[in-house]
Amino acid sequence: MNTRHLVSIADLSRAEVEALLARARNLKAEGKSGRMNAPLRGQTLALIFEKPSLRTRVTFEAGMTQLGGHAVYLAPADIQLGVRETVADVARNLSRWVQGIAARTYAHRAVEELAAHATVPVINALTEREHPCQALADFLTILEHKGTLAGLKLAFVGDGNNVCHSLLLLAGTLGVNMSVGHPRGYAPAEDIVAQARQLATAAGSTIELTNDPQAAVAEADAVYTDVWASMGQEDTLEERRRVFQPYQLNAQLLRQAKPEAIVLHCLPAHRGEEITDEVIDGPQSVVLDEAENRLHIQKALLLWLLGA
């Protein structure tokens, strides 16, 4: 039997995504009621982190603990992935000791290499290209607040970054309409957009790109934004602040969406830049539900990939 990995949202079929969302909702309900068993007792997840993290590290560690397992955190200095030893050797060694690997790296290729050489499941916990765990938590949050995903419109305003990529692929997979409002020169990757559109066509939805943030947000059921400069892009922040200012998610822009639209942000937020305090702390914001749901969707993912 081939080992399954989650390197990209495109690794998942629609049926698999829907099963993960359903299981995550059940796990969340069980957790709230105090009914938890330990299906991953005796299993260990290795966490390879080249970037700092609050939500990703805590939710994976807490998730493994709640499922009866254990997580080992490996900081950048512990491994020096690809420097102290090759990615392939790290994957082969870890496969002898642990039952799964979650990796948060700069280069997407590093996670692809880990998956190519590991004999245990590898989870992309964030790369420069994608953030699949975040997108799954986002759609779980939208489903909870809207009751359905069918026929909804998700608007993303800002940089066509890794989060945007995973959202596009997941929207296409699930048949959710998605519009991206971005400045010229900051569009999502062309191959990701083409893949998302192919998926959306099959699922009966649309993927639209525009340089007009108001058009992107118009009549949206959910509005999403993210930081203007991701980790590793800090040297371009001043230029990005100038270019992205019209794309700030503020009360005026939010009024273009449906009155009952929800607001999402993967966090951490640069308040006063890509989003205002008024919006992120306002009644339409679901960012803390979204952050909590990282725990529940990752527990569902761990149970699926680790065979429990």
C-alpha atoms as a PDB file:
ATOM      1  CA  MET A   1       0.000   0.000   0.000  1.00  0.00           C
ATOM      2  CA  ASN A   2       1.414   3.396  -1.001  1.00  0.00           C
ATOM      3  CA  THR A   3       2.059   5.927   1.747  1.00  0.00           C
ATOM      4  CA  ARG A   4      -0.246   8.944   1.445  1.00  0.00           C
ATOM      5  CA  HIS A   5       1.111  12.458   1.913  1.00  0.00           C
ATOM      6  CA  LEU A   6      -0.395  15.952   1.961  1.00  0.00           C
ATOM      7  CA  VAL A   7       2.039  18.130   0.043  1.00  0.00           C
ATOM      8  CA  SER A   8      -0.598  20.060  -1.910  1.00  0.00           C
ATOM      9  CA  ILE A   9      -4.365  20.511  -1.689  1.00  0.00           C
ATOM     10  CA  ALA A  10      -4.340  18.926  -5.156  1.00  0.00           C
ATOM     11  CA  ASP A  11      -3.358  15.645  -3.461  1.00  0.00           C
ATOM     12  CA  LEU A  12      -6.919  15.387  -2.119  1.00  0.00           C
ATOM     13  CA  SER A  13     -10.063  14.399  -3.992  1.00  0.00           C
ATOM     14  CA  ARG A  14     -13.360  16.128  -3.321  1.00  0.00           C
ATOM     15  CA  ALA A  15     -14.632  13.047  -1.473  1.00  0.00           C
ATOM     16  CA  GLU A  16     -11.514  13.004   0.724  1.00  0.00           C
ATOM     17  CA  VAL A  17     -11.858  16.700   1.562  1.00  0.00           C
ATOM     18  CA  GLU A  18     -15.528  16.291   2.435  1.00  0.00           C
ATOM     19  CA  ALA A  19     -14.691  13.282   4.631  1.00  0.00           C
ATOM     20  CA  LEU A  20     -11.977  15.280   6.429  1.00  0.00           C
ATOM     21  CA  LEU A  21     -14.359  18.191   7.042  1.00  0.00           C
ATOM     22  CA  ALA A  22     -17.022  15.858   8.407  1.00  0.00           C
ATOM     23  CA  ARG A  23     -14.560  14.062  10.666  1.00  0.00           C
ATOM     24  CA  ALA A  24     -13.140  17.356  11.935  1.00  0.00           C
ATOM     25  CA  ARG A  25     -16.639  18.518  12.906  1.00  0.00           C
ATOM     26  CA  ASN A  26     -17.206  15.267  14.785  1.00  0.00           C
ATOM     27  CA  LEU A  27     -13.840  15.549  16.554  1.00  0.00           C
ATOM     28  CA  LYS A  28     -14.628  19.128  17.521  1.00  0.00           C
ATOM     29  CA  ALA A  29     -17.970  18.083  18.998  1.00  0.00           C
ATOM     30  CA  GLU A  30     -16.352  15.203  20.875  1.00  0.00           C
ATOM     31  CA  GLY A  31     -13.694  17.521  22.267  1.00  0.00           C
ATOM     32  CA  LYS A  32     -16.275  20.024  23.488  1.00  0.00           C
ATOM     33  CA  SER A  33     -18.223  17.255  25.219  1.00  0.00           C
ATOM     34  CA  GLY A  34     -15.130  15.762  26.833  1.00  0.00           C
ATOM     35  CA  ARG A  35     -15.527  12.466  24.948  1.00  0.00           C
ATOM     36  CA  MET A  36     -12.004  11.743  23.657  1.00  0.00           C
ATOM     37  CA  ASN A  37     -10.255   8.451  23.123  1.00  0.00           C
ATOM     38  CA  ALA A  38      -6.619   7.805  22.219  1.00  0.00           C
ATOM     39  CA  PRO A  39      -6.440   6.186  18.758  1.00  0.00           C
ATOM     40  CA  LEU A  40      -2.854   7.368  18.201  1.00  0.00           C
ATOM     41  CA  ARG A  41      -1.476   5.975  21.467  1.00  0.00           C
ATOM     42  CA  GLY A  42       2.187   5.095  21.010  1.00  0.00           C
ATOM     43  CA  GLN A  43       2.546   7.072  17.757  1.00  0.00           C
ATOM     44  CA  THR A  44       4.936   9.987  17.250  1.00  0.00           C
ATOM     45  CA  LEU A  45       4.821  12.920  14.832  1.00  0.00           C
ATOM     46  CA  ALA A  46       8.068  14.710  13.954  1.00  0.00           C
ATOM     47  CA  LEU A  47       7.670  18.477  13.474  1.00  0.00           C
ATOM     48  CA  ILE A  48      10.347  19.992  11.214  1.00  0.00           C
ATOM     49  CA  PHE A  49      10.202  23.787  11.494  1.00  0.00           C
ATOM     50  CA  GLU A  50      12.396  26.184   9.510  1.00  0.00           C
ATOM     51  CA  LYS A  51      10.007  29.075  10.282  1.00  0.00           C
ATOM     52  CA  PRO A  52       8.595  30.278  13.620  1.00  0.00           C
ATOM     53  CA  SER A  53       5.001  29.401  14.416  1.00  0.00           C
ATOM     54  CA  LEU A  54       2.276  29.789  17.008  1.00  0.00           C
ATOM     55  CA  ARG A  55      -0.824  28.153  15.515  1.00  0.00           C
ATOM     56  CA  THR A  56       0.858  25.415  13.486  1.00  0.00           C
ATOM     57  CA  ARG A  57       3.149  24.158  16.230  1.00  0.00           C
ATOM     58  CA  VAL A  58       0.621  24.311  19.055  1.00  0.00           C
ATOM     59  CA  THR A  59      -2.226  22.721  17.070  1.00  0.00           C
ATOM     60  CA  PHE A  60      -0.105  19.817  15.831  1.00  0.00           C
ATOM     61  CA  GLU A  61       1.387  19.184  19.277  1.00  0.00           C
ATOM     62  CA  ALA A  62      -1.940  19.553  21.076  1.00  0.00           C
ATOM     63  CA  GLY A  63      -3.682  17.452  18.437  1.00  0.00           C
ATOM     64  CA  MET A  64      -1.260  14.559  18.823  1.00  0.00           C
ATOM     65  CA  THR A  65      -1.537  14.772  22.619  1.00  0.00           C
ATOM     66  CA  GLN A  66      -5.350  14.773  22.512  1.00  0.00           C
ATOM     67  CA  LEU A  67      -5.304  11.737  20.223  1.00  0.00           C
ATOM     68  CA  GLY A  68      -3.021   9.875  22.612  1.00  0.00           C
ATOM     69  CA  GLY A  69       0.179  10.352  20.632  1.00  0.00           C
ATOM     70  CA  HIS A  70       3.256  12.521  20.934  1.00  0.00           C
ATOM     71  CA  ALA A  71       5.014  15.191  18.850  1.00  0.00           C
ATOM     72  CA  VAL A  72       8.738  15.943  18.665  1.00  0.00           C
ATOM     73  CA  TYR A  73       9.591  19.535  17.745  1.00  0.00           C
ATOM     74  CA  LEU A  74      12.713  19.958  15.622  1.00  0.00           C
ATOM     75  CA  ALA A  75      13.849  23.576  15.418  1.00  0.00           C
ATOM     76  CA  PRO A  76      15.929  24.962  12.517  1.00  0.00           C
ATOM     77  CA  ALA A  77      19.211  24.433  14.387  1.00  0.00           C
ATOM     78  CA  ASP A  78      18.345  20.825  15.237  1.00  0.00           C
ATOM     79  CA  ILE A  79      18.385  19.585  11.642  1.00  0.00           C
ATOM     80  CA  GLN A  80      19.594  22.352   9.284  1.00  0.00           C
ATOM     81  CA  LEU A  81      17.605  20.626   6.567  1.00  0.00           C
ATOM     82  CA  GLY A  82      19.679  20.113   3.438  1.00  0.00           C
ATOM     83  CA  VAL A  83      22.794  21.615   5.070  1.00  0.00           C
ATOM     84  CA  ARG A  84      23.862  19.368   7.928  1.00  0.00           C
ATOM     85  CA  GLU A  85      22.521  16.391   5.987  1.00  0.00           C
ATOM     86  CA  THR A  86      20.429  15.878   2.895  1.00  0.00           C
ATOM     87  CA  VAL A  87      16.655  16.088   2.925  1.00  0.00           C
ATOM     88  CA  ALA A  88      16.531  12.487   1.713  1.00  0.00           C
ATOM     89  CA  ASP A  89      18.663  11.276   4.641  1.00  0.00           C
ATOM     90  CA  VAL A  90      16.509  13.187   7.128  1.00  0.00           C
ATOM     91  CA  ALA A  91      13.399  11.554   5.649  1.00  0.00           C
ATOM     92  CA  ARG A  92      14.905   8.051   5.723  1.00  0.00           C
ATOM     93  CA  ASN A  93      16.105   8.399   9.316  1.00  0.00           C
ATOM     94  CA  LEU A  94      12.882   9.852  10.671  1.00  0.00           C
ATOM     95  CA  SER A  95      10.909   7.095   8.934  1.00  0.00           C
ATOM     96  CA  ARG A  96      12.661   4.556  11.207  1.00  0.00           C
ATOM     97  CA  TRP A  97      11.558   6.320  14.388  1.00  0.00           C
ATOM     98  CA  VAL A  98       8.246   8.121  13.895  1.00  0.00           C
ATOM     99  CA  GLN A  99       4.866   7.469  12.295  1.00  0.00           C
ATOM    100  CA  GLY A 100       4.483  10.841  10.565  1.00  0.00           C
ATOM    101  CA  ILE A 101       6.317  14.047   9.612  1.00  0.00           C
ATOM    102  CA  ALA A 102       4.904  17.584   9.453  1.00  0.00           C
ATOM    103  CA  ALA A 103       7.273  20.091   7.852  1.00  0.00           C
ATOM    104  CA  ARG A 104       7.139  23.889   7.803  1.00  0.00           C
ATOM    105  CA  THR A 105       9.817  25.005   5.357  1.00  0.00           C
ATOM    106  CA  TYR A 106      10.782  27.868   3.104  1.00  0.00           C
ATOM    107  CA  ALA A 107      11.256  25.845  -0.074  1.00  0.00           C
ATOM    108  CA  HIS A 108       8.314  23.799  -1.312  1.00  0.00           C
ATOM    109  CA  ARG A 109      10.834  21.435  -2.860  1.00  0.00           C
ATOM    110  CA  ALA A 110      12.003  20.425   0.632  1.00  0.00           C
ATOM    111  CA  VAL A 111       8.579  18.997   1.515  1.00  0.00           C
ATOM    112  CA  GLU A 112       8.364  17.302  -1.887  1.00  0.00           C
ATOM    113  CA  GLU A 113      11.753  15.668  -1.229  1.00  0.00           C
ATOM    114  CA  LEU A 114      10.727  14.565   2.253  1.00  0.00           C
ATOM    115  CA  ALA A 115       7.616  12.926   0.785  1.00  0.00           C
ATOM    116  CA  ALA A 116       9.635  11.297  -1.994  1.00  0.00           C
ATOM    117  CA  HIS A 117      12.023   9.586   0.450  1.00  0.00           C
ATOM    118  CA  ALA A 118       9.934   9.025   3.604  1.00  0.00           C
ATOM    119  CA  THR A 119       8.088   5.779   4.196  1.00  0.00           C
ATOM    120  CA  VAL A 120       5.707   7.523   6.636  1.00  0.00           C
ATOM    121  CA  PRO A 121       3.128  10.226   5.801  1.00  0.00           C
ATOM    122  CA  VAL A 122       4.485  13.749   5.247  1.00  0.00           C
ATOM    123  CA  ILE A 123       2.280  16.803   5.839  1.00  0.00           C
ATOM    124  CA  ASN A 124       2.990  20.220   4.368  1.00  0.00           C
ATOM    125  CA  ALA A 125       2.696  22.516   7.397  1.00  0.00           C
ATOM    126  CA  LEU A 126       3.512  25.565   5.204  1.00  0.00           C
ATOM    127  CA  THR A 127       5.881  26.260   2.335  1.00  0.00           C
ATOM    128  CA  GLU A 128       6.433  29.238   0.066  1.00  0.00           C
ATOM    129  CA  ARG A 129       4.001  27.655  -2.430  1.00  0.00           C
ATOM    130  CA  GLU A 130       1.137  26.273  -0.331  1.00  0.00           C
ATOM    131  CA  HIS A 131      -0.456  26.100   3.112  1.00  0.00           C
ATOM    132  CA  PRO A 132      -2.947  23.219   2.783  1.00  0.00           C
ATOM    133  CA  CYS A 133      -3.695  22.761   6.502  1.00  0.00           C
ATOM    134  CA  GLN A 134      -4.684  26.414   6.746  1.00  0.00           C
ATOM    135  CA  ALA A 135      -7.001  26.212   3.739  1.00  0.00           C
ATOM    136  CA  LEU A 136      -8.724  23.127   5.143  1.00  0.00           C
ATOM    137  CA  ALA A 137      -9.307  24.944   8.448  1.00  0.00           C
ATOM    138  CA  ASP A 138     -10.623  27.954   6.536  1.00  0.00           C
ATOM    139  CA  PHE A 139     -13.198  25.939   4.633  1.00  0.00           C
ATOM    140  CA  LEU A 140     -14.211  24.127   7.832  1.00  0.00           C
ATOM    141  CA  THR A 141     -14.865  27.575   9.343  1.00  0.00           C
ATOM    142  CA  ILE A 142     -16.866  28.758   6.336  1.00  0.00           C
ATOM    143  CA  LEU A 143     -18.919  25.555   6.413  1.00  0.00           C
ATOM    144  CA  GLU A 144     -19.668  25.999  10.119  1.00  0.00           C
ATOM    145  CA  HIS A 145     -20.838  29.593   9.719  1.00  0.00           C
ATOM    146  CA  LYS A 146     -22.699  29.223   6.427  1.00  0.00           C
ATOM    147  CA  GLY A 147     -24.083  25.703   6.828  1.00  0.00           C
ATOM    148  CA  THR A 148     -23.080  24.799   3.275  1.00  0.00           C
ATOM    149  CA  LEU A 149     -20.370  25.501   0.730  1.00  0.00           C
ATOM    150  CA  ALA A 150     -22.589  25.105  -2.316  1.00  0.00           C
ATOM    151  CA  GLY A 151     -22.936  28.285  -4.367  1.00  0.00           C
ATOM    152  CA  LEU A 152     -20.846  30.448  -2.027  1.00  0.00           C
ATOM    153  CA  LYS A 153     -18.406  33.137  -3.113  1.00  0.00           C
ATOM    154  CA  LEU A 154     -15.045  33.475  -1.357  1.00  0.00           C
ATOM    155  CA  ALA A 155     -13.104  36.692  -2.003  1.00  0.00           C
ATOM    156  CA  PHE A 156      -9.375  36.995  -1.309  1.00  0.00           C
ATOM    157  CA  VAL A 157      -7.732  40.429  -1.368  1.00  0.00           C
ATOM    158  CA  GLY A 158      -3.984  40.988  -1.294  1.00  0.00           C
ATOM    159  CA  ASP A 159      -0.934  39.012  -2.302  1.00  0.00           C
ATOM    160  CA  GLY A 160      -1.375  35.868  -4.411  1.00  0.00           C
ATOM    161  CA  ASN A 161       0.683  33.921  -1.886  1.00  0.00           C
ATOM    162  CA  ASN A 162       0.864  30.374  -0.509  1.00  0.00           C
ATOM    163  CA  VAL A 163      -2.425  30.689   1.402  1.00  0.00           C
ATOM    164  CA  CYS A 164      -4.152  32.081  -1.679  1.00  0.00           C
ATOM    165  CA  HIS A 165      -2.806  29.138  -3.722  1.00  0.00           C
ATOM    166  CA  SER A 166      -4.241  26.530  -1.371  1.00  0.00           C
ATOM    167  CA  LEU A 167      -7.557  28.380  -1.122  1.00  0.00           C
ATOM    168  CA  LEU A 168      -7.812  28.474  -4.925  1.00  0.00           C
ATOM    169  CA  LEU A 169      -7.185  24.750  -5.264  1.00  0.00           C
ATOM    170  CA  LEU A 170      -9.631  23.909  -2.482  1.00  0.00           C
ATOM    171  CA  ALA A 171     -12.321  26.232  -3.854  1.00  0.00           C
ATOM    172  CA  GLY A 172     -11.940  24.541  -7.231  1.00  0.00           C
ATOM    173  CA  THR A 173     -12.075  21.084  -5.687  1.00  0.00           C
ATOM    174  CA  LEU A 174     -15.220  21.818  -3.661  1.00  0.00           C
ATOM    175  CA  GLY A 175     -17.068  23.861  -6.274  1.00  0.00           C
ATOM    176  CA  VAL A 176     -16.881  27.174  -4.409  1.00  0.00           C
ATOM    177  CA  ASN A 177     -16.700  30.381  -6.456  1.00  0.00           C
ATOM    178  CA  MET A 178     -13.562  32.377  -5.686  1.00  0.00           C
ATOM    179  CA  SER A 179     -12.327  35.810  -6.710  1.00  0.00           C
ATOM    180  CA  VAL A 180      -8.856  37.169  -6.046  1.00  0.00           C
ATOM    181  CA  GLY A 181      -8.246  40.917  -5.954  1.00  0.00           C
ATOM    182  CA  HIS A 182      -4.510  41.620  -6.271  1.00  0.00           C
ATOM    183  CA  PRO A 183      -2.200  44.408  -7.438  1.00  0.00           C
ATOM    184  CA  ARG A 184      -0.501  44.039 -10.798  1.00  0.00           C
ATOM    185  CA  GLY A 185       2.604  41.904 -10.445  1.00  0.00           C
ATOM    186  CA  TYR A 186       1.300  40.078  -7.345  1.00  0.00           C
ATOM    187  CA  ALA A 187      -1.050  37.549  -8.908  1.00  0.00           C
ATOM    188  CA  PRO A 188      -1.120  33.926  -7.761  1.00  0.00           C
ATOM    189  CA  ALA A 189       1.057  31.533  -9.769  1.00  0.00           C
ATOM    190  CA  GLU A 190      -0.293  30.892 -13.270  1.00  0.00           C
ATOM    191  CA  ASP A 191      -0.042  27.103 -12.979  1.00  0.00           C
ATOM    192  CA  ILE A 192      -1.992  27.138  -9.703  1.00  0.00           C
ATOM    193  CA  VAL A 193      -4.704  29.320 -11.244  1.00  0.00           C
ATOM    194  CA  ALA A 194      -4.932  27.046 -14.295  1.00  0.00           C
ATOM    195  CA  GLN A 195      -5.204  23.966 -12.090  1.00  0.00           C
ATOM    196  CA  ALA A 196      -7.824  25.621  -9.861  1.00  0.00           C
ATOM    197  CA  ARG A 197      -9.884  26.644 -12.893  1.00  0.00           C
ATOM    198  CA  GLN A 198      -9.749  23.124 -14.283  1.00  0.00           C
ATOM    199  CA  LEU A 199     -10.993  21.762 -10.956  1.00  0.00           C
ATOM    200  CA  ALA A 200     -13.659  24.476 -10.707  1.00  0.00           C
ATOM    201  CA  THR A 201     -14.973  23.761 -14.193  1.00  0.00           C
ATOM    202  CA  ALA A 202     -15.429  20.113 -13.260  1.00  0.00           C
ATOM    203  CA  ALA A 203     -17.128  21.094  -9.991  1.00  0.00           C
ATOM    204  CA  GLY A 204     -19.366  23.794 -11.504  1.00  0.00           C
ATOM    205  CA  SER A 205     -17.775  26.907  -9.980  1.00  0.00           C
ATOM    206  CA  THR A 206     -15.661  29.832 -11.169  1.00  0.00           C
ATOM    207  CA  ILE A 207     -12.230  31.278 -10.402  1.00  0.00           C
ATOM    208  CA  GLU A 208     -11.761  34.986 -11.153  1.00  0.00           C
ATOM    209  CA  LEU A 209      -8.762  37.303 -10.887  1.00  0.00           C
ATOM    210  CA  THR A 210      -8.991  41.094 -10.887  1.00  0.00           C
ATOM    211  CA  ASN A 211      -6.930  44.152 -10.003  1.00  0.00           C
ATOM    212  CA  ASP A 212     -10.061  45.800  -8.588  1.00  0.00           C
ATOM    213  CA  PRO A 213     -10.462  44.942  -4.884  1.00  0.00           C
ATOM    214  CA  GLN A 214     -14.056  46.184  -4.786  1.00  0.00           C
ATOM    215  CA  ALA A 215     -15.037  43.983  -7.714  1.00  0.00           C
ATOM    216  CA  ALA A 216     -13.349  41.003  -6.028  1.00  0.00           C
ATOM    217  CA  VAL A 217     -15.292  41.526  -2.796  1.00  0.00           C
ATOM    218  CA  ALA A 218     -18.654  42.356  -4.409  1.00  0.00           C
ATOM    219  CA  GLU A 219     -21.450  40.120  -3.083  1.00  0.00           C
ATOM    220  CA  ALA A 220     -18.975  37.775  -1.371  1.00  0.00           C
ATOM    221  CA  ASP A 221     -20.129  35.411   1.370  1.00  0.00           C
ATOM    222  CA  ALA A 222     -16.644  35.312   2.908  1.00  0.00           C
ATOM    223  CA  VAL A 223     -13.779  37.798   2.606  1.00  0.00           C
ATOM    224  CA  TYR A 224     -10.186  36.755   3.269  1.00  0.00           C
ATOM    225  CA  THR A 225      -6.931  38.644   3.553  1.00  0.00           C
ATOM    226  CA  ASP A 226      -3.368  37.879   4.603  1.00  0.00           C
ATOM    227  CA  VAL A 227      -0.149  39.748   5.323  1.00  0.00           C
ATOM    228  CA  TRP A 228       1.312  41.774   2.490  1.00  0.00           C
ATOM    229  CA  ALA A 229       4.818  40.373   2.999  1.00  0.00           C
ATOM    230  CA  SER A 230       5.236  36.727   3.977  1.00  0.00           C
ATOM    231  CA  MET A 231       8.177  35.436   6.032  1.00  0.00           C
ATOM    232  CA  GLY A 232      11.326  35.904   3.992  1.00  0.00           C
ATOM    233  CA  GLN A 233       9.911  38.908   2.078  1.00  0.00           C
ATOM    234  CA  GLU A 234      10.454  41.522   4.779  1.00  0.00           C
ATOM    235  CA  ASP A 235      12.974  43.428   2.638  1.00  0.00           C
ATOM    236  CA  THR A 236      10.150  44.285   0.204  1.00  0.00           C
ATOM    237  CA  LEU A 237       7.701  45.443   2.868  1.00  0.00           C
ATOM    238  CA  GLU A 238       7.936  49.201   2.258  1.00  0.00           C
ATOM    239  CA  GLU A 239       7.234  48.795  -1.456  1.00  0.00           C
ATOM    240  CA  ARG A 240       4.414  46.366  -0.699  1.00  0.00           C
ATOM    241  CA  ARG A 241       2.825  48.780   1.788  1.00  0.00           C
ATOM    242  CA  ARG A 242       2.568  51.364  -0.960  1.00  0.00           C
ATOM    243  CA  VAL A 243       1.264  48.960  -3.619  1.00  0.00           C
ATOM    244  CA  PHE A 244      -1.199  47.105  -1.409  1.00  0.00           C
ATOM    245  CA  GLN A 245      -2.806  50.034   0.416  1.00  0.00           C
ATOM    246  CA  PRO A 246      -5.935  50.020  -1.821  1.00  0.00           C
ATOM    247  CA  TYR A 247      -6.396  46.344  -0.930  1.00  0.00           C
ATOM    248  CA  GLN A 248      -6.645  46.897   2.823  1.00  0.00           C
ATOM    249  CA  LEU A 249      -9.637  45.061   4.274  1.00  0.00           C
ATOM    250  CA  ASN A 250     -11.398  47.897   6.041  1.00  0.00           C
ATOM    251  CA  ALA A 251     -15.038  48.718   6.760  1.00  0.00           C
ATOM    252  CA  GLN A 252     -15.464  50.484   3.424  1.00  0.00           C
ATOM    253  CA  LEU A 253     -14.223  47.521   1.389  1.00  0.00           C
ATOM    254  CA  LEU A 254     -16.166  45.046   3.515  1.00  0.00           C
ATOM    255  CA  ARG A 255     -19.402  46.882   2.696  1.00  0.00           C
ATOM    256  CA  GLN A 256     -19.055  45.636  -0.895  1.00  0.00           C
ATOM    257  CA  ALA A 257     -19.628  42.073   0.349  1.00  0.00           C
ATOM    258  CA  LYS A 258     -22.954  40.655   1.471  1.00  0.00           C
ATOM    259  CA  PRO A 259     -24.160  42.122   4.797  1.00  0.00           C
ATOM    260  CA  GLU A 260     -23.782  38.723   6.476  1.00  0.00           C
ATOM    261  CA  ALA A 261     -20.324  38.028   5.013  1.00  0.00           C
ATOM    262  CA  ILE A 262     -17.702  36.606   7.350  1.00  0.00           C
ATOM    263  CA  VAL A 263     -14.093  37.832   7.573  1.00  0.00           C
ATOM    264  CA  LEU A 264     -11.129  35.460   7.603  1.00  0.00           C
ATOM    265  CA  HIS A 265      -7.388  35.918   8.168  1.00  0.00           C
ATOM    266  CA  CYS A 266      -4.893  33.104   8.741  1.00  0.00           C
ATOM    267  CA  LEU A 267      -2.970  35.165  11.358  1.00  0.00           C
ATOM    268  CA  PRO A 268      -0.698  36.629  12.524  1.00  0.00           C
ATOM    269  CA  ALA A 269      -2.205  39.901  11.334  1.00  0.00           C
ATOM    270  CA  HIS A 270      -0.399  43.192  10.803  1.00  0.00           C
ATOM    271  CA  ARG A 271      -3.162  45.361  12.155  1.00  0.00           C
ATOM    272  CA  GLY A 272      -3.505  48.647  10.321  1.00  0.00           C
ATOM    273  CA  GLU A 273      -1.865  47.217   7.216  1.00  0.00           C
ATOM    274  CA  GLU A 274      -3.813  44.471   5.423  1.00  0.00           C
ATOM    275  CA  ILE A 275      -6.719  44.656   7.882  1.00  0.00           C
ATOM    276  CA  THR A 276      -8.043  47.242  10.333  1.00  0.00           C
ATOM    277  CA  ASP A 277      -8.812  46.691  14.006  1.00  0.00           C
ATOM    278  CA  GLU A 278     -12.425  47.614  13.295  1.00  0.00           C
ATOM    279  CA  VAL A 279     -12.796  44.671  10.920  1.00  0.00           C
ATOM    280  CA  ILE A 280     -10.652  41.993  12.583  1.00  0.00           C
ATOM    281  CA  ASP A 281     -12.255  42.674  15.966  1.00  0.00           C
ATOM    282  CA  GLY A 282     -15.714  43.295  14.512  1.00  0.00           C
ATOM    283  CA  PRO A 283     -18.844  41.138  14.551  1.00  0.00           C
ATOM    284  CA  GLN A 284     -18.173  39.633  11.114  1.00  0.00           C
ATOM    285  CA  SER A 285     -14.707  38.367  12.023  1.00  0.00           C
ATOM    286  CA  VAL A 286     -14.297  34.611  12.553  1.00  0.00           C
ATOM    287  CA  VAL A 287     -10.505  34.589  12.812  1.00  0.00           C
ATOM    288  CA  LEU A 288     -10.423  32.890  16.222  1.00  0.00           C
ATOM    289  CA  ASP A 289     -12.826  30.173  15.084  1.00  0.00           C
ATOM    290  CA  GLU A 290     -10.525  29.752  12.100  1.00  0.00           C
ATOM    291  CA  ALA A 291      -7.452  29.464  14.345  1.00  0.00           C
ATOM    292  CA  GLU A 292      -9.203  26.927  16.592  1.00  0.00           C
ATOM    293  CA  ASN A 293     -10.203  24.871  13.582  1.00  0.00           C
ATOM    294  CA  ARG A 294      -6.560  24.293  12.696  1.00  0.00           C
ATOM    295  CA  LEU A 295      -6.582  21.894  15.659  1.00  0.00           C
ATOM    296  CA  HIS A 296      -9.667  19.974  14.587  1.00  0.00           C
ATOM    297  CA  ILE A 297      -8.888  19.625  10.875  1.00  0.00           C
ATOM    298  CA  GLN A 298      -5.314  18.555  11.620  1.00  0.00           C
ATOM    299  CA  LYS A 299      -6.567  15.924  14.051  1.00  0.00           C
ATOM    300  CA  ALA A 300      -8.804  14.585  11.289  1.00  0.00           C
ATOM    301  CA  LEU A 301      -5.850  14.663   8.898  1.00  0.00           C
ATOM    302  CA  LEU A 302      -3.580  12.852  11.359  1.00  0.00           C
ATOM    303  CA  LEU A 303      -6.150  10.126  11.953  1.00  0.00           C
ATOM    304  CA  TRP A 304      -6.596   9.650   8.199  1.00  0.00           C
ATOM    305  CA  LEU A 305      -2.922   9.621   7.266  1.00  0.00           C
ATOM    306  CA  LEU A 306      -1.765   7.581  10.239  1.00  0.00           C
ATOM    307  CA  GLY A 307      -4.477   5.001   9.616  1.00  0.00           C
ATOM    308  CA  ALA A 308      -6.538   5.386  12.783  1.00  0.00           C
END
